[in-house]
């Protein structure tokens, strides 16, 4: 007589190959923990950014964008006559660099808001670099980015109609 049959076990694929785990390394005598960046190295990024921004504003403050021939004309304005959100930005920067906030707001209010947000971000970056903290991140929720985009779009549309002529440069 035949031997009793055992139930067949289902076929299973072989287990996936695993990378070998390196053995735990003992601390090397005389080895030190990573050295944090020096204050000069931490300050290099924000100070170079500040220097570039000051140089750009100094140039725009010295070379008047209201005089033709110094800067290129906005291509959208030249082709269509429509003011883009950046139109008047150089005139705004010129007035801002000379300390005339009213003229800067009259040329491009959104650009002035951008200058102030950038100045705040740069001040925070410098403060954290001095204190040894992390670089600040501009982490906004998507709804906030959409809101900013909608605000800029509305600004662009309104300044192109007679009702919003006060927003035009």
C-alpha atoms as a PDB file:
ATOM      1  CA  UNK A   1       0.000   0.000   0.000  1.00  0.00           C
ATOM      2  CA  UNK A   2       1.036   3.505  -0.646  1.00  0.00           C
ATOM      3  CA  UNK A   3       2.032   5.905   2.107  1.00  0.00           C
ATOM      4  CA  UNK A   4      -0.611   8.413   3.126  1.00  0.00           C
ATOM      5  CA  UNK A   5      -0.357  11.656   1.239  1.00  0.00           C
ATOM      6  CA  UNK A   6       0.361  14.847   3.091  1.00  0.00           C
ATOM      7  CA  UNK A   7      -1.321  18.006   1.981  1.00  0.00           C
ATOM      8  CA  UNK A   8       0.805  19.881  -0.524  1.00  0.00           C
ATOM      9  CA  UNK A   9       2.293  23.135   0.664  1.00  0.00           C
ATOM     10  CA  UNK A  10       1.734  26.060  -1.669  1.00  0.00           C
ATOM     11  CA  UNK A  11       4.699  27.366  -3.595  1.00  0.00           C
ATOM     12  CA  UNK A  12       6.257  30.490  -2.136  1.00  0.00           C
ATOM     13  CA  UNK A  13       8.813  32.670  -3.854  1.00  0.00           C
ATOM     14  CA  UNK A  14      12.231  32.828  -2.244  1.00  0.00           C
ATOM     15  CA  UNK A  15      12.762  35.785   0.110  1.00  0.00           C
ATOM     16  CA  UNK A  16      14.243  38.908  -1.504  1.00  0.00           C
ATOM     17  CA  UNK A  17      17.940  39.344  -1.290  1.00  0.00           C
ATOM     18  CA  UNK A  18      18.885  41.708   1.484  1.00  0.00           C
ATOM     19  CA  UNK A  19      21.913  43.895   1.538  1.00  0.00           C
ATOM     20  CA  UNK A  20      24.453  42.729   4.031  1.00  0.00           C
ATOM     21  CA  UNK A  21      24.362  44.723   7.227  1.00  0.00           C
ATOM     22  CA  UNK A  22      27.764  46.213   7.988  1.00  0.00           C
ATOM     23  CA  UNK A  23      29.088  45.346  11.394  1.00  0.00           C
ATOM     24  CA  UNK A  24      28.797  48.049  14.012  1.00  0.00           C
ATOM     25  CA  UNK A  25      31.898  50.145  14.001  1.00  0.00           C
ATOM     26  CA  UNK A  26      33.569  50.890  17.237  1.00  0.00           C
ATOM     27  CA  UNK A  27      34.516  54.519  17.820  1.00  0.00           C
ATOM     28  CA  UNK A  28      37.937  55.296  16.493  1.00  0.00           C
ATOM     29  CA  UNK A  29      40.257  56.481  19.231  1.00  0.00           C
ATOM     30  CA  UNK A  30      41.029  60.175  18.800  1.00  0.00           C
ATOM     31  CA  UNK A  31      38.068  60.764  16.419  1.00  0.00           C
ATOM     32  CA  UNK A  32      35.966  63.848  17.091  1.00  0.00           C
ATOM     33  CA  UNK A  33      32.374  64.728  16.425  1.00  0.00           C
ATOM     34  CA  UNK A  34      31.778  66.855  13.319  1.00  0.00           C
ATOM     35  CA  UNK A  35      32.749  70.436  13.922  1.00  0.00           C
ATOM     36  CA  UNK A  36      29.903  72.927  13.406  1.00  0.00           C
ATOM     37  CA  UNK A  37      30.449  75.587  10.777  1.00  0.00           C
ATOM     38  CA  UNK A  38      32.266  78.676  11.955  1.00  0.00           C
ATOM     39  CA  UNK A  39      30.386  81.939  12.356  1.00  0.00           C
ATOM     40  CA  UNK A  40      32.130  83.386   9.285  1.00  0.00           C
ATOM     41  CA  UNK A  41      31.027  80.427   7.173  1.00  0.00           C
ATOM     42  CA  UNK A  42      27.440  80.680   8.455  1.00  0.00           C
ATOM     43  CA  UNK A  43      27.358  84.419   7.716  1.00  0.00           C
ATOM     44  CA  UNK A  44      28.827  84.122   4.212  1.00  0.00           C
ATOM     45  CA  UNK A  45      25.528  83.305   2.471  1.00  0.00           C
ATOM     46  CA  UNK A  46      23.351  86.009   4.011  1.00  0.00           C
ATOM     47  CA  UNK A  47      26.082  88.657   3.855  1.00  0.00           C
ATOM     48  CA  UNK A  48      26.805  87.971   0.175  1.00  0.00           C
ATOM     49  CA  UNK A  49      23.083  88.108  -0.549  1.00  0.00           C
ATOM     50  CA  UNK A  50      22.847  91.391   1.338  1.00  0.00           C
ATOM     51  CA  UNK A  51      25.852  92.788  -0.547  1.00  0.00           C
ATOM     52  CA  UNK A  52      24.344  91.823  -3.908  1.00  0.00           C
ATOM     53  CA  UNK A  53      20.989  93.343  -2.979  1.00  0.00           C
ATOM     54  CA  UNK A  54      22.582  96.581  -1.769  1.00  0.00           C
ATOM     55  CA  UNK A  55      24.665  96.765  -4.962  1.00  0.00           C
ATOM     56  CA  UNK A  56      21.579  96.230  -7.143  1.00  0.00           C
ATOM     57  CA  UNK A  57      19.559  98.867  -5.288  1.00  0.00           C
ATOM     58  CA  UNK A  58      22.524 101.266  -5.371  1.00  0.00           C
ATOM     59  CA  UNK A  59      22.794 100.866  -9.149  1.00  0.00           C
ATOM     60  CA  UNK A  60      19.065 101.324  -9.708  1.00  0.00           C
ATOM     61  CA  UNK A  61      19.101 104.257  -7.296  1.00  0.00           C
ATOM     62  CA  UNK A  62      21.922 105.909  -9.241  1.00  0.00           C
ATOM     63  CA  UNK A  63      20.719 105.172 -12.791  1.00  0.00           C
ATOM     64  CA  UNK A  64      17.229 106.619 -13.188  1.00  0.00           C
ATOM     65  CA  UNK A  65      14.849 104.225 -15.006  1.00  0.00           C
ATOM     66  CA  UNK A  66      12.611 107.194 -15.898  1.00  0.00           C
ATOM     67  CA  UNK A  67      15.212 108.299 -18.460  1.00  0.00           C
ATOM     68  CA  UNK A  68      14.905 106.295 -21.677  1.00  0.00           C
ATOM     69  CA  UNK A  69      17.761 104.141 -22.880  1.00  0.00           C
ATOM     70  CA  UNK A  70      19.109 102.845 -19.574  1.00  0.00           C
ATOM     71  CA  UNK A  71      16.927  99.756 -19.148  1.00  0.00           C
ATOM     72  CA  UNK A  72      14.971  97.584 -21.574  1.00  0.00           C
ATOM     73  CA  UNK A  73      11.229  98.139 -21.947  1.00  0.00           C
ATOM     74  CA  UNK A  74       8.871  95.434 -20.677  1.00  0.00           C
ATOM     75  CA  UNK A  75       8.253  93.156 -23.691  1.00  0.00           C
ATOM     76  CA  UNK A  76       4.596  92.547 -22.762  1.00  0.00           C
ATOM     77  CA  UNK A  77       3.954  96.271 -22.512  1.00  0.00           C
ATOM     78  CA  UNK A  78       5.818  96.981 -25.743  1.00  0.00           C
ATOM     79  CA  UNK A  79       3.911  94.323 -27.721  1.00  0.00           C
ATOM     80  CA  UNK A  80       0.429  94.638 -26.209  1.00  0.00           C
ATOM     81  CA  UNK A  81       0.273  97.817 -24.135  1.00  0.00           C
ATOM     82  CA  UNK A  82      -0.769  95.712 -21.122  1.00  0.00           C
ATOM     83  CA  UNK A  83       0.977  96.369 -17.807  1.00  0.00           C
ATOM     84  CA  UNK A  84       2.377  93.191 -16.269  1.00  0.00           C
ATOM     85  CA  UNK A  85       2.713  92.774 -12.484  1.00  0.00           C
ATOM     86  CA  UNK A  86       6.367  93.826 -12.728  1.00  0.00           C
ATOM     87  CA  UNK A  87       5.830  96.984 -14.781  1.00  0.00           C
ATOM     88  CA  UNK A  88       7.053  99.929 -12.766  1.00  0.00           C
ATOM     89  CA  UNK A  89       9.246  97.709 -10.615  1.00  0.00           C
ATOM     90  CA  UNK A  90      12.473  99.495 -11.582  1.00  0.00           C
ATOM     91  CA  UNK A  91      10.900 102.913 -11.003  1.00  0.00           C
ATOM     92  CA  UNK A  92       9.652 101.576  -7.675  1.00  0.00           C
ATOM     93  CA  UNK A  93      13.129 100.312  -6.747  1.00  0.00           C
ATOM     94  CA  UNK A  94      14.629 103.664  -7.777  1.00  0.00           C
ATOM     95  CA  UNK A  95      12.222 105.575  -5.537  1.00  0.00           C
ATOM     96  CA  UNK A  96      12.631 103.033  -2.714  1.00  0.00           C
ATOM     97  CA  UNK A  97      16.429 103.312  -2.879  1.00  0.00           C
ATOM     98  CA  UNK A  98      16.131 107.100  -2.630  1.00  0.00           C
ATOM     99  CA  UNK A  99      13.784 106.836   0.360  1.00  0.00           C
ATOM    100  CA  UNK A 100      10.627 108.036  -1.412  1.00  0.00           C
ATOM    101  CA  UNK A 101       8.154 105.399  -0.205  1.00  0.00           C
ATOM    102  CA  UNK A 102       5.097 107.196  -1.622  1.00  0.00           C
ATOM    103  CA  UNK A 103       6.577 107.261  -5.146  1.00  0.00           C
ATOM    104  CA  UNK A 104       7.702 103.653  -4.770  1.00  0.00           C
ATOM    105  CA  UNK A 105       4.184 102.549  -3.825  1.00  0.00           C
ATOM    106  CA  UNK A 106       2.767 104.587  -6.707  1.00  0.00           C
ATOM    107  CA  UNK A 107       5.062 102.892  -9.220  1.00  0.00           C
ATOM    108  CA  UNK A 108       4.437  99.306  -8.092  1.00  0.00           C
ATOM    109  CA  UNK A 109       2.888  98.485  -4.719  1.00  0.00           C
ATOM    110  CA  UNK A 110       3.385  94.731  -5.141  1.00  0.00           C
ATOM    111  CA  UNK A 111       7.115  95.248  -5.718  1.00  0.00           C
ATOM    112  CA  UNK A 112       7.386  97.298  -2.511  1.00  0.00           C
ATOM    113  CA  UNK A 113       5.631  94.503  -0.607  1.00  0.00           C
ATOM    114  CA  UNK A 114       8.154  92.095  -2.130  1.00  0.00           C
ATOM    115  CA  UNK A 115      11.070  94.297  -1.040  1.00  0.00           C
ATOM    116  CA  UNK A 116       9.755  94.336   2.525  1.00  0.00           C
ATOM    117  CA  UNK A 117       9.157  90.567   2.636  1.00  0.00           C
ATOM    118  CA  UNK A 118      12.650  89.977   1.256  1.00  0.00           C
ATOM    119  CA  UNK A 119      14.168  92.359   3.819  1.00  0.00           C
ATOM    120  CA  UNK A 120      12.388  90.512   6.624  1.00  0.00           C
ATOM    121  CA  UNK A 121      13.562  87.140   5.316  1.00  0.00           C
ATOM    122  CA  UNK A 122      17.142  88.402   5.008  1.00  0.00           C
ATOM    123  CA  UNK A 123      17.072  89.844   8.543  1.00  0.00           C
ATOM    124  CA  UNK A 124      15.821  86.506   9.890  1.00  0.00           C
ATOM    125  CA  UNK A 125      18.497  84.650   7.923  1.00  0.00           C
ATOM    126  CA  UNK A 126      21.223  86.925   9.330  1.00  0.00           C
ATOM    127  CA  UNK A 127      19.876  86.589  12.877  1.00  0.00           C
ATOM    128  CA  UNK A 128      19.825  82.805  12.642  1.00  0.00           C
ATOM    129  CA  UNK A 129      23.292  82.706  11.088  1.00  0.00           C
ATOM    130  CA  UNK A 130      24.707  84.741  13.971  1.00  0.00           C
ATOM    131  CA  UNK A 131      22.991  82.511  16.529  1.00  0.00           C
ATOM    132  CA  UNK A 132      23.985  79.279  14.751  1.00  0.00           C
ATOM    133  CA  UNK A 133      20.449  78.288  13.751  1.00  0.00           C
ATOM    134  CA  UNK A 134      19.141  76.737  10.573  1.00  0.00           C
ATOM    135  CA  UNK A 135      18.504  78.662   7.371  1.00  0.00           C
ATOM    136  CA  UNK A 136      14.876  79.868   7.403  1.00  0.00           C
ATOM    137  CA  UNK A 137      12.530  78.278   4.905  1.00  0.00           C
ATOM    138  CA  UNK A 138       9.625  80.013   3.272  1.00  0.00           C
ATOM    139  CA  UNK A 139       7.162  77.176   3.817  1.00  0.00           C
ATOM    140  CA  UNK A 140       3.646  78.293   3.008  1.00  0.00           C
ATOM    141  CA  UNK A 141       0.640  76.104   2.469  1.00  0.00           C
ATOM    142  CA  UNK A 142      -0.525  75.752  -1.133  1.00  0.00           C
ATOM    143  CA  UNK A 143      -3.613  77.809  -0.311  1.00  0.00           C
ATOM    144  CA  UNK A 144      -1.367  80.719   0.700  1.00  0.00           C
ATOM    145  CA  UNK A 145       0.593  80.503  -2.561  1.00  0.00           C
ATOM    146  CA  UNK A 146      -2.672  80.429  -4.520  1.00  0.00           C
ATOM    147  CA  UNK A 147      -3.858  83.455  -2.536  1.00  0.00           C
ATOM    148  CA  UNK A 148      -0.674  85.380  -3.329  1.00  0.00           C
ATOM    149  CA  UNK A 149      -0.986  84.446  -7.001  1.00  0.00           C
ATOM    150  CA  UNK A 150      -4.631  85.540  -7.040  1.00  0.00           C
ATOM    151  CA  UNK A 151      -3.717  88.844  -5.387  1.00  0.00           C
ATOM    152  CA  UNK A 152      -1.024  89.522  -8.011  1.00  0.00           C
ATOM    153  CA  UNK A 153      -3.443  88.562 -10.797  1.00  0.00           C
ATOM    154  CA  UNK A 154      -6.133  90.910  -9.477  1.00  0.00           C
ATOM    155  CA  UNK A 155      -3.506  93.666  -9.108  1.00  0.00           C
ATOM    156  CA  UNK A 156      -2.440  93.107 -12.728  1.00  0.00           C
ATOM    157  CA  UNK A 157      -5.982  93.215 -14.053  1.00  0.00           C
ATOM    158  CA  UNK A 158      -7.164  96.188 -12.008  1.00  0.00           C
ATOM    159  CA  UNK A 159      -4.169  98.379 -12.861  1.00  0.00           C
ATOM    160  CA  UNK A 160      -4.946  97.997 -16.589  1.00  0.00           C
ATOM    161  CA  UNK A 161      -8.457  99.488 -16.279  1.00  0.00           C
ATOM    162  CA  UNK A 162      -9.394 103.132 -15.761  1.00  0.00           C
ATOM    163  CA  UNK A 163     -10.767 102.272 -12.306  1.00  0.00           C
ATOM    164  CA  UNK A 164      -7.288 101.183 -11.159  1.00  0.00           C
ATOM    165  CA  UNK A 165      -5.276 103.855 -12.918  1.00  0.00           C
ATOM    166  CA  UNK A 166      -3.822 104.885  -9.538  1.00  0.00           C
ATOM    167  CA  UNK A 167      -2.022 101.497  -9.477  1.00  0.00           C
ATOM    168  CA  UNK A 168      -0.432 102.041 -12.900  1.00  0.00           C
ATOM    169  CA  UNK A 169       3.160 103.325 -12.967  1.00  0.00           C
END
